[in-house]
Amino acid sequence: MIINISSVWGLVGASLESIYSISKAGIDAMTKSLAKEYGPSNIRVNSIAPGIINTDMNNELDEIIREQIKNEVPLGKIGEPIDIYRCVKWLIEDEFTTGQIISPNGGWVIT
């Protein structure tokens, strides 16, 4: 089993983040291709494309920006690392999911 980590920006792109978005979209495309390639060997390949998660990467966001983002997220909150852990755990336990891009993002981006 392979679980890649990409980003919601790989799904929809982000203004002023084109290189980051392109690299994450590439991870998602690779995930889909490898799922087809490795599926016959019973190797599952999936990608997790999180929305905003409360990590060091986002420490520079001030409280005003955080509140603006929360207002854009239907669940009204920024994700926590445990949310990604639960997604990884589910993919590890599941035996039938492959080639999927799972995006825990509180509804911020719905594709």
PDB file of N, CA and C in Angstrom:
ATOM      1  N   MET A   1       0.824  -1.163   0.000  1.00  0.00           N
ATOM      2  CA  MET A   1       0.000   0.000   0.000  1.00  0.00           C
ATOM      3  C   MET A   1       0.883   1.247   0.000  1.00  0.00           C
ATOM      4  N   ILE A   2       0.445   2.218  -0.781  1.00  0.00           N
ATOM      5  CA  ILE A   2       1.134   3.504  -0.850  1.00  0.00           C
ATOM      6  C   ILE A   2       0.102   4.590  -0.570  1.00  0.00           C
ATOM      7  N   ILE A   3       0.441   5.486   0.349  1.00  0.00           N
ATOM      8  CA  ILE A   3      -0.410   6.647   0.612  1.00  0.00           C
ATOM      9  C   ILE A   3       0.441   7.894   0.397  1.00  0.00           C
ATOM     10  N   ASN A   4       0.063   8.676  -0.598  1.00  0.00           N
ATOM     11  CA  ASN A   4       0.746   9.933  -0.881  1.00  0.00           C
ATOM     12  C   ASN A   4       0.014  11.074  -0.179  1.00  0.00           C
ATOM     13  N   ILE A   5       0.739  12.124   0.118  1.00  0.00           N
ATOM     14  CA  ILE A   5       0.138  13.321   0.690  1.00  0.00           C
ATOM     15  C   ILE A   5       0.315  14.455  -0.315  1.00  0.00           C
ATOM     16  N   SER A   6      -0.796  15.016  -0.750  1.00  0.00           N
ATOM     17  CA  SER A   6      -0.729  16.141  -1.678  1.00  0.00           C
ATOM     18  C   SER A   6      -1.373  17.351  -1.003  1.00  0.00           C
ATOM     19  N   SER A   7      -2.312  18.004  -1.654  1.00  0.00           N
ATOM     20  CA  SER A   7      -2.942  19.193  -1.091  1.00  0.00           C
ATOM     21  C   SER A   7      -4.220  19.487  -1.859  1.00  0.00           C
ATOM     22  N   VAL A   8      -5.137  20.155  -1.205  1.00  0.00           N
ATOM     23  CA  VAL A   8      -6.343  20.607  -1.870  1.00  0.00           C
ATOM     24  C   VAL A   8      -5.985  21.488  -3.070  1.00  0.00           C
ATOM     25  N   TRP A   9      -4.853  22.194  -2.991  1.00  0.00           N
ATOM     26  CA  TRP A   9      -4.452  23.057  -4.106  1.00  0.00           C
ATOM     27  C   TRP A   9      -4.065  22.254  -5.342  1.00  0.00           C
ATOM     28  N   GLY A  10      -3.734  20.992  -5.187  1.00  0.00           N
ATOM     29  CA  GLY A  10      -3.512  20.133  -6.340  1.00  0.00           C
ATOM     30  C   GLY A  10      -4.796  19.807  -7.068  1.00  0.00           C
ATOM     31  N   LEU A  11      -5.919  19.909  -6.371  1.00  0.00           N
ATOM     32  CA  LEU A  11      -7.223  19.642  -6.972  1.00  0.00           C
ATOM     33  C   LEU A  11      -7.794  20.856  -7.691  1.00  0.00           C
ATOM     34  N   VAL A  12      -7.585  22.048  -7.123  1.00  0.00           N
ATOM     35  CA  VAL A  12      -8.247  23.235  -7.672  1.00  0.00           C
ATOM     36  C   VAL A  12      -7.302  24.382  -8.009  1.00  0.00           C
ATOM     37  N   GLY A  13      -6.029  24.264  -7.661  1.00  0.00           N
ATOM     38  CA  GLY A  13      -5.085  25.348  -7.907  1.00  0.00           C
ATOM     39  C   GLY A  13      -5.255  26.471  -6.901  1.00  0.00           C
ATOM     40  N   ALA A  14      -4.201  27.240  -6.714  1.00  0.00           N
ATOM     41  CA  ALA A  14      -4.236  28.353  -5.764  1.00  0.00           C
ATOM     42  C   ALA A  14      -3.547  29.559  -6.382  1.00  0.00           C
ATOM     43  N   SER A  15      -4.174  30.695  -6.240  1.00  0.00           N
ATOM     44  CA  SER A  15      -3.586  31.934  -6.718  1.00  0.00           C
ATOM     45  C   SER A  15      -2.260  32.190  -6.012  1.00  0.00           C
ATOM     46  N   LEU A  16      -1.251  32.581  -6.767  1.00  0.00           N
ATOM     47  CA  LEU A  16       0.098  32.867  -6.263  1.00  0.00           C
ATOM     48  C   LEU A  16       0.809  31.636  -5.719  1.00  0.00           C
ATOM     49  N   GLU A  17       0.280  30.459  -5.997  1.00  0.00           N
ATOM     50  CA  GLU A  17       0.877  29.196  -5.532  1.00  0.00           C
ATOM     51  C   GLU A  17       0.953  28.197  -6.689  1.00  0.00           C
ATOM     52  N   SER A  18       1.277  28.678  -7.890  1.00  0.00           N
ATOM     53  CA  SER A  18       1.210  27.797  -9.055  1.00  0.00           C
ATOM     54  C   SER A  18       2.191  26.633  -8.981  1.00  0.00           C
ATOM     55  N   ILE A  19       3.420  26.875  -8.574  1.00  0.00           N
ATOM     56  CA  ILE A  19       4.404  25.782  -8.513  1.00  0.00           C
ATOM     57  C   ILE A  19       3.981  24.743  -7.475  1.00  0.00           C
ATOM     58  N   TYR A  20       3.542  25.201  -6.311  1.00  0.00           N
ATOM     59  CA  TYR A  20       3.054  24.297  -5.267  1.00  0.00           C
ATOM     60  C   TYR A  20       1.855  23.501  -5.789  1.00  0.00           C
ATOM     61  N   SER A  21       0.900  24.169  -6.410  1.00  0.00           N
ATOM     62  CA  SER A  21      -0.292  23.497  -6.936  1.00  0.00           C
ATOM     63  C   SER A  21       0.075  22.463  -7.996  1.00  0.00           C
ATOM     64  N   ILE A  22       1.000  22.825  -8.886  1.00  0.00           N
ATOM     65  CA  ILE A  22       1.432  21.904  -9.942  1.00  0.00           C
ATOM     66  C   ILE A  22       2.081  20.663  -9.335  1.00  0.00           C
ATOM     67  N   SER A  23       2.927  20.849  -8.341  1.00  0.00           N
ATOM     68  CA  SER A  23       3.610  19.695  -7.737  1.00  0.00           C
ATOM     69  C   SER A  23       2.609  18.771  -7.051  1.00  0.00           C
ATOM     70  N   LYS A  24       1.598  19.322  -6.395  1.00  0.00           N
ATOM     71  CA  LYS A  24       0.601  18.496  -5.714  1.00  0.00           C
ATOM     72  C   LYS A  24      -0.319  17.804  -6.712  1.00  0.00           C
ATOM     73  N   ALA A  25      -0.660  18.476  -7.801  1.00  0.00           N
ATOM     74  CA  ALA A  25      -1.458  17.839  -8.855  1.00  0.00           C
ATOM     75  C   ALA A  25      -0.679  16.679  -9.478  1.00  0.00           C
ATOM     76  N   GLY A  26       0.628  16.845  -9.602  1.00  0.00           N
ATOM     77  CA  GLY A  26       1.474  15.765 -10.115  1.00  0.00           C
ATOM     78  C   GLY A  26       1.445  14.544  -9.220  1.00  0.00           C
ATOM     79  N   ILE A  27       1.459  14.766  -7.912  1.00  0.00           N
ATOM     80  CA  ILE A  27       1.365  13.649  -6.964  1.00  0.00           C
ATOM     81  C   ILE A  27       0.041  12.915  -7.167  1.00  0.00           C
ATOM     82  N   ASP A  28      -1.032  13.674  -7.357  1.00  0.00           N
ATOM     83  CA  ASP A  28      -2.342  13.043  -7.539  1.00  0.00           C
ATOM     84  C   ASP A  28      -2.405  12.257  -8.846  1.00  0.00           C
ATOM     85  N   ALA A  29      -1.825  12.799  -9.922  1.00  0.00           N
ATOM     86  CA  ALA A  29      -1.804  12.081 -11.197  1.00  0.00           C
ATOM     87  C   ALA A  29      -0.961  10.812 -11.083  1.00  0.00           C
ATOM     88  N   MET A  30       0.166  10.909 -10.385  1.00  0.00           N
ATOM     89  CA  MET A  30       1.000   9.732 -10.169  1.00  0.00           C
ATOM     90  C   MET A  30       0.236   8.682  -9.369  1.00  0.00           C
ATOM     91  N   THR A  31      -0.516   9.126  -8.378  1.00  0.00           N
ATOM     92  CA  THR A  31      -1.310   8.207  -7.563  1.00  0.00           C
ATOM     93  C   THR A  31      -2.265   7.400  -8.433  1.00  0.00           C
ATOM     94  N   LYS A  32      -2.961   8.080  -9.318  1.00  0.00           N
ATOM     95  CA  LYS A  32      -3.932   7.402 -10.183  1.00  0.00           C
ATOM     96  C   LYS A  32      -3.246   6.425 -11.134  1.00  0.00           C
ATOM     97  N   SER A  33      -2.128   6.852 -11.704  1.00  0.00           N
ATOM     98  CA  SER A  33      -1.404   5.981 -12.633  1.00  0.00           C
ATOM     99  C   SER A  33      -0.855   4.749 -11.929  1.00  0.00           C
ATOM    100  N   LEU A  34      -0.250   4.962 -10.768  1.00  0.00           N
ATOM    101  CA  LEU A  34       0.317   3.827 -10.035  1.00  0.00           C
ATOM    102  C   LEU A  34      -0.764   2.871  -9.543  1.00  0.00           C
ATOM    103  N   ALA A  35      -1.929   3.396  -9.208  1.00  0.00           N
ATOM    104  CA  ALA A  35      -3.026   2.521  -8.783  1.00  0.00           C
ATOM    105  C   ALA A  35      -3.393   1.551  -9.905  1.00  0.00           C
ATOM    106  N   LYS A  36      -3.426   2.057 -11.137  1.00  0.00           N
ATOM    107  CA  LYS A  36      -3.717   1.186 -12.279  1.00  0.00           C
ATOM    108  C   LYS A  36      -2.578   0.206 -12.536  1.00  0.00           C
ATOM    109  N   GLU A  37      -1.356   0.691 -12.395  1.00  0.00           N
ATOM    110  CA  GLU A  37      -0.186  -0.135 -12.666  1.00  0.00           C
ATOM    111  C   GLU A  37       0.006  -1.234 -11.617  1.00  0.00           C
ATOM    112  N   TYR A  38      -0.183  -0.872 -10.337  1.00  0.00           N
ATOM    113  CA  TYR A  38       0.100  -1.807  -9.241  1.00  0.00           C
ATOM    114  C   TYR A  38      -1.115  -2.596  -8.774  1.00  0.00           C
ATOM    115  N   GLY A  39      -2.311  -2.185  -9.193  1.00  0.00           N
ATOM    116  CA  GLY A  39      -3.523  -2.889  -8.782  1.00  0.00           C
ATOM    117  C   GLY A  39      -3.477  -4.395  -9.027  1.00  0.00           C
ATOM    118  N   PRO A  40      -3.041  -4.847 -10.212  1.00  0.00           N
ATOM    119  CA  PRO A  40      -2.987  -6.288 -10.455  1.00  0.00           C
ATOM    120  C   PRO A  40      -2.073  -7.041  -9.471  1.00  0.00           C
ATOM    121  N   SER A  41      -1.168  -6.327  -8.820  1.00  0.00           N
ATOM    122  CA  SER A  41      -0.302  -6.942  -7.800  1.00  0.00           C
ATOM    123  C   SER A  41      -0.874  -6.746  -6.397  1.00  0.00           C
ATOM    124  N   ASN A  42      -2.133  -6.290  -6.336  1.00  0.00           N
ATOM    125  CA  ASN A  42      -2.833  -6.053  -5.076  1.00  0.00           C
ATOM    126  C   ASN A  42      -2.157  -4.992  -4.208  1.00  0.00           C
ATOM    127  N   ILE A  43      -1.550  -4.002  -4.863  1.00  0.00           N
ATOM    128  CA  ILE A  43      -0.970  -2.867  -4.143  1.00  0.00           C
ATOM    129  C   ILE A  43      -1.898  -1.682  -4.364  1.00  0.00           C
ATOM    130  N   ARG A  44      -2.426  -1.169  -3.273  1.00  0.00           N
ATOM    131  CA  ARG A  44      -3.333  -0.029  -3.335  1.00  0.00           C
ATOM    132  C   ARG A  44      -2.534   1.265  -3.248  1.00  0.00           C
ATOM    133  N   VAL A  45      -2.934   2.247  -4.040  1.00  0.00           N
ATOM    134  CA  VAL A  45      -2.257   3.543  -4.052  1.00  0.00           C
ATOM    135  C   VAL A  45      -3.322   4.636  -3.978  1.00  0.00           C
ATOM    136  N   ASN A  46      -3.226   5.474  -2.958  1.00  0.00           N
ATOM    137  CA  ASN A  46      -4.174   6.566  -2.765  1.00  0.00           C
ATOM    138  C   ASN A  46      -3.414   7.824  -2.362  1.00  0.00           C
ATOM    139  N   SER A  47      -4.116   8.952  -2.419  1.00  0.00           N
ATOM    140  CA  SER A  47      -3.526  10.217  -2.022  1.00  0.00           C
ATOM    141  C   SER A  47      -4.478  10.934  -1.080  1.00  0.00           C
ATOM    142  N   ILE A  48      -3.911  11.607  -0.101  1.00  0.00           N
ATOM    143  CA  ILE A  48      -4.677  12.462   0.792  1.00  0.00           C
ATOM    144  C   ILE A  48      -4.323  13.902   0.439  1.00  0.00           C
ATOM    145  N   ALA A  49      -5.359  14.692   0.142  1.00  0.00           N
ATOM    146  CA  ALA A  49      -5.183  16.083  -0.282  1.00  0.00           C
ATOM    147  C   ALA A  49      -5.852  16.994   0.752  1.00  0.00           C
ATOM    148  N   PRO A  50      -5.171  17.258   1.866  1.00  0.00           N
ATOM    149  CA  PRO A  50      -5.798  18.048   2.928  1.00  0.00           C
ATOM    150  C   PRO A  50      -6.055  19.491   2.527  1.00  0.00           C
ATOM    151  N   GLY A  51      -7.047  20.059   3.193  1.00  0.00           N
ATOM    152  CA  GLY A  51      -7.245  21.497   3.161  1.00  0.00           C
ATOM    153  C   GLY A  51      -6.311  22.109   4.199  1.00  0.00           C
ATOM    154  N   ILE A  52      -6.682  23.249   4.748  1.00  0.00           N
ATOM    155  CA  ILE A  52      -5.819  23.888   5.739  1.00  0.00           C
ATOM    156  C   ILE A  52      -5.841  23.076   7.034  1.00  0.00           C
ATOM    157  N   ILE A  53      -4.647  22.774   7.521  1.00  0.00           N
ATOM    158  CA  ILE A  53      -4.471  21.996   8.740  1.00  0.00           C
ATOM    159  C   ILE A  53      -3.606  22.814   9.694  1.00  0.00           C
ATOM    160  N   ASN A  54      -3.923  22.756  10.954  1.00  0.00           N
ATOM    161  CA  ASN A  54      -3.206  23.504  11.980  1.00  0.00           C
ATOM    162  C   ASN A  54      -1.826  22.879  12.212  1.00  0.00           C
ATOM    163  N   THR A  55      -0.868  23.271  11.362  1.00  0.00           N
ATOM    164  CA  THR A  55       0.506  22.765  11.448  1.00  0.00           C
ATOM    165  C   THR A  55       1.479  23.937  11.419  1.00  0.00           C
ATOM    166  N   ASP A  56       2.754  23.632  11.591  1.00  0.00           N
ATOM    167  CA  ASP A  56       3.788  24.668  11.543  1.00  0.00           C
ATOM    168  C   ASP A  56       3.755  25.446  10.229  1.00  0.00           C
ATOM    169  N   MET A  57       3.358  24.789   9.145  1.00  0.00           N
ATOM    170  CA  MET A  57       3.315  25.448   7.838  1.00  0.00           C
ATOM    171  C   MET A  57       2.391  26.670   7.874  1.00  0.00           C
ATOM    172  N   ASN A  58       1.384  26.631   8.728  1.00  0.00           N
ATOM    173  CA  ASN A  58       0.405  27.715   8.772  1.00  0.00           C
ATOM    174  C   ASN A  58       0.548  28.615  10.001  1.00  0.00           C
ATOM    175  N   ASN A  59       1.633  28.474  10.738  1.00  0.00           N
ATOM    176  CA  ASN A  59       1.846  29.301  11.934  1.00  0.00           C
ATOM    177  C   ASN A  59       1.938  30.789  11.625  1.00  0.00           C
ATOM    178  N   GLU A  60       2.359  31.118  10.407  1.00  0.00           N
ATOM    179  CA  GLU A  60       2.538  32.532  10.069  1.00  0.00           C
ATOM    180  C   GLU A  60       1.206  33.248   9.817  1.00  0.00           C
ATOM    181  N   LEU A  61       0.111  32.497   9.702  1.00  0.00           N
ATOM    182  CA  LEU A  61      -1.182  33.124   9.466  1.00  0.00           C
ATOM    183  C   LEU A  61      -1.650  33.824  10.735  1.00  0.00           C
ATOM    184  N   ASP A  62      -1.990  35.104  10.606  1.00  0.00           N
ATOM    185  CA  ASP A  62      -2.476  35.810  11.791  1.00  0.00           C
ATOM    186  C   ASP A  62      -3.937  35.436  12.060  1.00  0.00           C
ATOM    187  N   GLU A  63      -4.443  35.865  13.183  1.00  0.00           N
ATOM    188  CA  GLU A  63      -5.788  35.478  13.615  1.00  0.00           C
ATOM    189  C   GLU A  63      -6.871  35.972  12.667  1.00  0.00           C
ATOM    190  N   ILE A  64      -6.665  37.130  12.053  1.00  0.00           N
ATOM    191  CA  ILE A  64      -7.658  37.657  11.103  1.00  0.00           C
ATOM    192  C   ILE A  64      -7.783  36.716   9.904  1.00  0.00           C
ATOM    193  N   ILE A  65      -6.653  36.299   9.354  1.00  0.00           N
ATOM    194  CA  ILE A  65      -6.655  35.374   8.210  1.00  0.00           C
ATOM    195  C   ILE A  65      -7.276  34.042   8.623  1.00  0.00           C
ATOM    196  N   ARG A  66      -6.909  33.533   9.794  1.00  0.00           N
ATOM    197  CA  ARG A  66      -7.484  32.268  10.279  1.00  0.00           C
ATOM    198  C   ARG A  66      -9.011  32.355  10.368  1.00  0.00           C
ATOM    199  N   GLU A  67      -9.519  33.455  10.878  1.00  0.00           N
ATOM    200  CA  GLU A  67     -10.964  33.634  10.993  1.00  0.00           C
ATOM    201  C   GLU A  67     -11.624  33.721   9.615  1.00  0.00           C
ATOM    202  N   GLN A  68     -10.961  34.396   8.669  1.00  0.00           N
ATOM    203  CA  GLN A  68     -11.498  34.473   7.308  1.00  0.00           C
ATOM    204  C   GLN A  68     -11.601  33.077   6.698  1.00  0.00           C
ATOM    205  N   ILE A  69     -10.559  32.267   6.895  1.00  0.00           N
ATOM    206  CA  ILE A  69     -10.575  30.904   6.363  1.00  0.00           C
ATOM    207  C   ILE A  69     -11.680  30.092   7.028  1.00  0.00           C
ATOM    208  N   LYS A  70     -11.783  30.183   8.342  1.00  0.00           N
ATOM    209  CA  LYS A  70     -12.842  29.452   9.057  1.00  0.00           C
ATOM    210  C   LYS A  70     -14.216  29.820   8.515  1.00  0.00           C
ATOM    211  N   ASN A  71     -14.405  31.089   8.166  1.00  0.00           N
ATOM    212  CA  ASN A  71     -15.691  31.533   7.623  1.00  0.00           C
ATOM    213  C   ASN A  71     -15.966  30.953   6.239  1.00  0.00           C
ATOM    214  N   GLU A  72     -14.916  30.555   5.514  1.00  0.00           N
ATOM    215  CA  GLU A  72     -15.078  29.950   4.191  1.00  0.00           C
ATOM    216  C   GLU A  72     -15.310  28.442   4.269  1.00  0.00           C
ATOM    217  N   VAL A  73     -14.977  27.837   5.388  1.00  0.00           N
ATOM    218  CA  VAL A  73     -15.092  26.385   5.561  1.00  0.00           C
ATOM    219  C   VAL A  73     -16.473  26.063   6.125  1.00  0.00           C
ATOM    220  N   PRO A  74     -17.285  25.272   5.414  1.00  0.00           N
ATOM    221  CA  PRO A  74     -18.623  24.961   5.904  1.00  0.00           C
ATOM    222  C   PRO A  74     -18.653  24.398   7.329  1.00  0.00           C
ATOM    223  N   LEU A  75     -17.664  23.619   7.732  1.00  0.00           N
ATOM    224  CA  LEU A  75     -17.633  23.111   9.103  1.00  0.00           C
ATOM    225  C   LEU A  75     -17.129  24.155  10.095  1.00  0.00           C
ATOM    226  N   GLY A  76     -16.662  25.304   9.595  1.00  0.00           N
ATOM    227  CA  GLY A  76     -16.308  26.429  10.448  1.00  0.00           C
ATOM    228  C   GLY A  76     -15.054  26.270  11.273  1.00  0.00           C
ATOM    229  N   LYS A  77     -14.131  25.433  10.806  1.00  0.00           N
ATOM    230  CA  LYS A  77     -12.896  25.249  11.575  1.00  0.00           C
ATOM    231  C   LYS A  77     -11.747  24.861  10.665  1.00  0.00           C
ATOM    232  N   ILE A  78     -10.555  25.023  11.194  1.00  0.00           N
ATOM    233  CA  ILE A  78      -9.331  24.572  10.537  1.00  0.00           C
ATOM    234  C   ILE A  78      -9.065  23.158  11.031  1.00  0.00           C
ATOM    235  N   GLY A  79      -8.622  22.299  10.129  1.00  0.00           N
ATOM    236  CA  GLY A  79      -8.367  20.917  10.491  1.00  0.00           C
ATOM    237  C   GLY A  79      -7.181  20.767  11.431  1.00  0.00           C
ATOM    238  N   GLU A  80      -7.147  19.619  12.075  1.00  0.00           N
ATOM    239  CA  GLU A  80      -6.059  19.260  12.983  1.00  0.00           C
ATOM    240  C   GLU A  80      -5.319  18.046  12.429  1.00  0.00           C
ATOM    241  N   PRO A  81      -4.070  17.851  12.828  1.00  0.00           N
ATOM    242  CA  PRO A  81      -3.330  16.676  12.357  1.00  0.00           C
ATOM    243  C   PRO A  81      -4.061  15.361  12.602  1.00  0.00           C
ATOM    244  N   ILE A  82      -4.823  15.264  13.673  1.00  0.00           N
ATOM    245  CA  ILE A  82      -5.573  14.035  13.952  1.00  0.00           C
ATOM    246  C   ILE A  82      -6.555  13.716  12.830  1.00  0.00           C
ATOM    247  N   ASP A  83      -7.061  14.736  12.143  1.00  0.00           N
ATOM    248  CA  ASP A  83      -7.984  14.513  11.030  1.00  0.00           C
ATOM    249  C   ASP A  83      -7.294  13.780   9.885  1.00  0.00           C
ATOM    250  N   ILE A  84      -6.046  14.107   9.656  1.00  0.00           N
ATOM    251  CA  ILE A  84      -5.278  13.429   8.602  1.00  0.00           C
ATOM    252  C   ILE A  84      -4.908  12.025   9.057  1.00  0.00           C
ATOM    253  N   TYR A  85      -4.537  11.893  10.314  1.00  0.00           N
ATOM    254  CA  TYR A  85      -4.239  10.567  10.882  1.00  0.00           C
ATOM    255  C   TYR A  85      -5.419   9.617  10.679  1.00  0.00           C
ATOM    256  N   ARG A  86      -6.621  10.088  10.970  1.00  0.00           N
ATOM    257  CA  ARG A  86      -7.806   9.234  10.840  1.00  0.00           C
ATOM    258  C   ARG A  86      -8.020   8.801   9.393  1.00  0.00           C
ATOM    259  N   CYS A  87      -7.735   9.689   8.469  1.00  0.00           N
ATOM    260  CA  CYS A  87      -7.855   9.352   7.050  1.00  0.00           C
ATOM    261  C   CYS A  87      -6.822   8.292   6.659  1.00  0.00           C
ATOM    262  N   VAL A  88      -5.590   8.484   7.110  1.00  0.00           N
ATOM    263  CA  VAL A  88      -4.532   7.496   6.846  1.00  0.00           C
ATOM    264  C   VAL A  88      -4.918   6.149   7.444  1.00  0.00           C
ATOM    265  N   LYS A  89      -5.392   6.163   8.674  1.00  0.00           N
ATOM    266  CA  LYS A  89      -5.785   4.920   9.358  1.00  0.00           C
ATOM    267  C   LYS A  89      -6.873   4.196   8.571  1.00  0.00           C
ATOM    268  N   TRP A  90      -7.865   4.949   8.106  1.00  0.00           N
ATOM    269  CA  TRP A  90      -8.933   4.337   7.320  1.00  0.00           C
ATOM    270  C   TRP A  90      -8.385   3.697   6.045  1.00  0.00           C
ATOM    271  N   LEU A  91      -7.505   4.415   5.346  1.00  0.00           N
ATOM    272  CA  LEU A  91      -6.942   3.858   4.113  1.00  0.00           C
ATOM    273  C   LEU A  91      -6.110   2.611   4.382  1.00  0.00           C
ATOM    274  N   ILE A  92      -5.416   2.580   5.511  1.00  0.00           N
ATOM    275  CA  ILE A  92      -4.632   1.393   5.860  1.00  0.00           C
ATOM    276  C   ILE A  92      -5.562   0.199   6.096  1.00  0.00           C
ATOM    277  N   GLU A  93      -6.659   0.440   6.788  1.00  0.00           N
ATOM    278  CA  GLU A  93      -7.579  -0.646   7.146  1.00  0.00           C
ATOM    279  C   GLU A  93      -8.447  -1.099   5.979  1.00  0.00           C
ATOM    280  N   ASP A  94      -8.760  -0.202   5.055  1.00  0.00           N
ATOM    281  CA  ASP A  94      -9.614  -0.521   3.923  1.00  0.00           C
ATOM    282  C   ASP A  94      -8.854  -1.392   2.921  1.00  0.00           C
ATOM    283  N   GLU A  95      -9.554  -2.325   2.309  1.00  0.00           N
ATOM    284  CA  GLU A  95      -8.889  -3.227   1.359  1.00  0.00           C
ATOM    285  C   GLU A  95      -9.397  -3.092  -0.069  1.00  0.00           C
ATOM    286  N   PHE A  96     -10.268  -2.097  -0.315  1.00  0.00           N
ATOM    287  CA  PHE A  96     -10.870  -2.008  -1.644  1.00  0.00           C
ATOM    288  C   PHE A  96     -10.719  -0.641  -2.297  1.00  0.00           C
ATOM    289  N   THR A  97     -10.099   0.299  -1.616  1.00  0.00           N
ATOM    290  CA  THR A  97      -9.957   1.642  -2.164  1.00  0.00           C
ATOM    291  C   THR A  97      -8.581   1.814  -2.784  1.00  0.00           C
ATOM    292  N   THR A  98      -8.557   2.212  -4.042  1.00  0.00           N
ATOM    293  CA  THR A  98      -7.292   2.509  -4.714  1.00  0.00           C
ATOM    294  C   THR A  98      -7.531   3.556  -5.800  1.00  0.00           C
ATOM    295  N   GLY A  99      -6.502   4.341  -6.071  1.00  0.00           N
ATOM    296  CA  GLY A  99      -6.574   5.356  -7.116  1.00  0.00           C
ATOM    297  C   GLY A  99      -7.407   6.569  -6.737  1.00  0.00           C
ATOM    298  N   GLN A 100      -7.637   6.765  -5.450  1.00  0.00           N
ATOM    299  CA  GLN A 100      -8.502   7.852  -5.008  1.00  0.00           C
ATOM    300  C   GLN A 100      -7.714   9.001  -4.389  1.00  0.00           C
ATOM    301  N   ILE A 101      -8.265  10.186  -4.557  1.00  0.00           N
ATOM    302  CA  ILE A 101      -7.727  11.381  -3.910  1.00  0.00           C
ATOM    303  C   ILE A 101      -8.749  11.769  -2.844  1.00  0.00           C
ATOM    304  N   ILE A 102      -8.403  11.556  -1.597  1.00  0.00           N
ATOM    305  CA  ILE A 102      -9.286  11.850  -0.473  1.00  0.00           C
ATOM    306  C   ILE A 102      -8.891  13.228   0.062  1.00  0.00           C
ATOM    307  N   SER A 103      -9.877  14.111   0.213  1.00  0.00           N
ATOM    308  CA  SER A 103      -9.558  15.485   0.598  1.00  0.00           C
ATOM    309  C   SER A 103     -10.292  15.910   1.871  1.00  0.00           C
ATOM    310  N   PRO A 104      -9.696  15.624   3.030  1.00  0.00           N
ATOM    311  CA  PRO A 104     -10.295  16.112   4.272  1.00  0.00           C
ATOM    312  C   PRO A 104     -10.061  17.621   4.385  1.00  0.00           C
ATOM    313  N   ASN A 105     -11.132  18.395   4.180  1.00  0.00           N
ATOM    314  CA  ASN A 105     -10.955  19.853   4.171  1.00  0.00           C
ATOM    315  C   ASN A 105     -12.145  20.605   4.754  1.00  0.00           C
ATOM    316  N   GLY A 106     -13.026  19.907   5.461  1.00  0.00           N
ATOM    317  CA  GLY A 106     -14.152  20.556   6.106  1.00  0.00           C
ATOM    318  C   GLY A 106     -15.178  21.144   5.141  1.00  0.00           C
ATOM    319  N   GLY A 107     -15.097  20.745   3.880  1.00  0.00           N
ATOM    320  CA  GLY A 107     -15.996  21.287   2.871  1.00  0.00           C
ATOM    321  C   GLY A 107     -15.497  22.563   2.216  1.00  0.00           C
ATOM    322  N   TRP A 108     -14.278  22.963   2.572  1.00  0.00           N
ATOM    323  CA  TRP A 108     -13.686  24.189   2.017  1.00  0.00           C
ATOM    324  C   TRP A 108     -13.648  24.135   0.501  1.00  0.00           C
ATOM    325  N   VAL A 109     -13.257  22.960  -0.019  1.00  0.00           N
ATOM    326  CA  VAL A 109     -13.234  22.727  -1.461  1.00  0.00           C
ATOM    327  C   VAL A 109     -14.000  21.441  -1.720  1.00  0.00           C
ATOM    328  N   ILE A 110     -15.022  21.535  -2.548  1.00  0.00           N
ATOM    329  CA  ILE A 110     -15.805  20.365  -2.907  1.00  0.00           C
ATOM    330  C   ILE A 110     -15.642  20.170  -4.406  1.00  0.00           C
ATOM    331  N   THR A 111     -15.067  19.025  -4.773  1.00  0.00           N
ATOM    332  CA  THR A 111     -14.818  18.767  -6.192  1.00  0.00           C
ATOM    333  C   THR A 111     -15.768  17.708  -6.722  1.00  0.00           C
TER     334      THR A 111
END
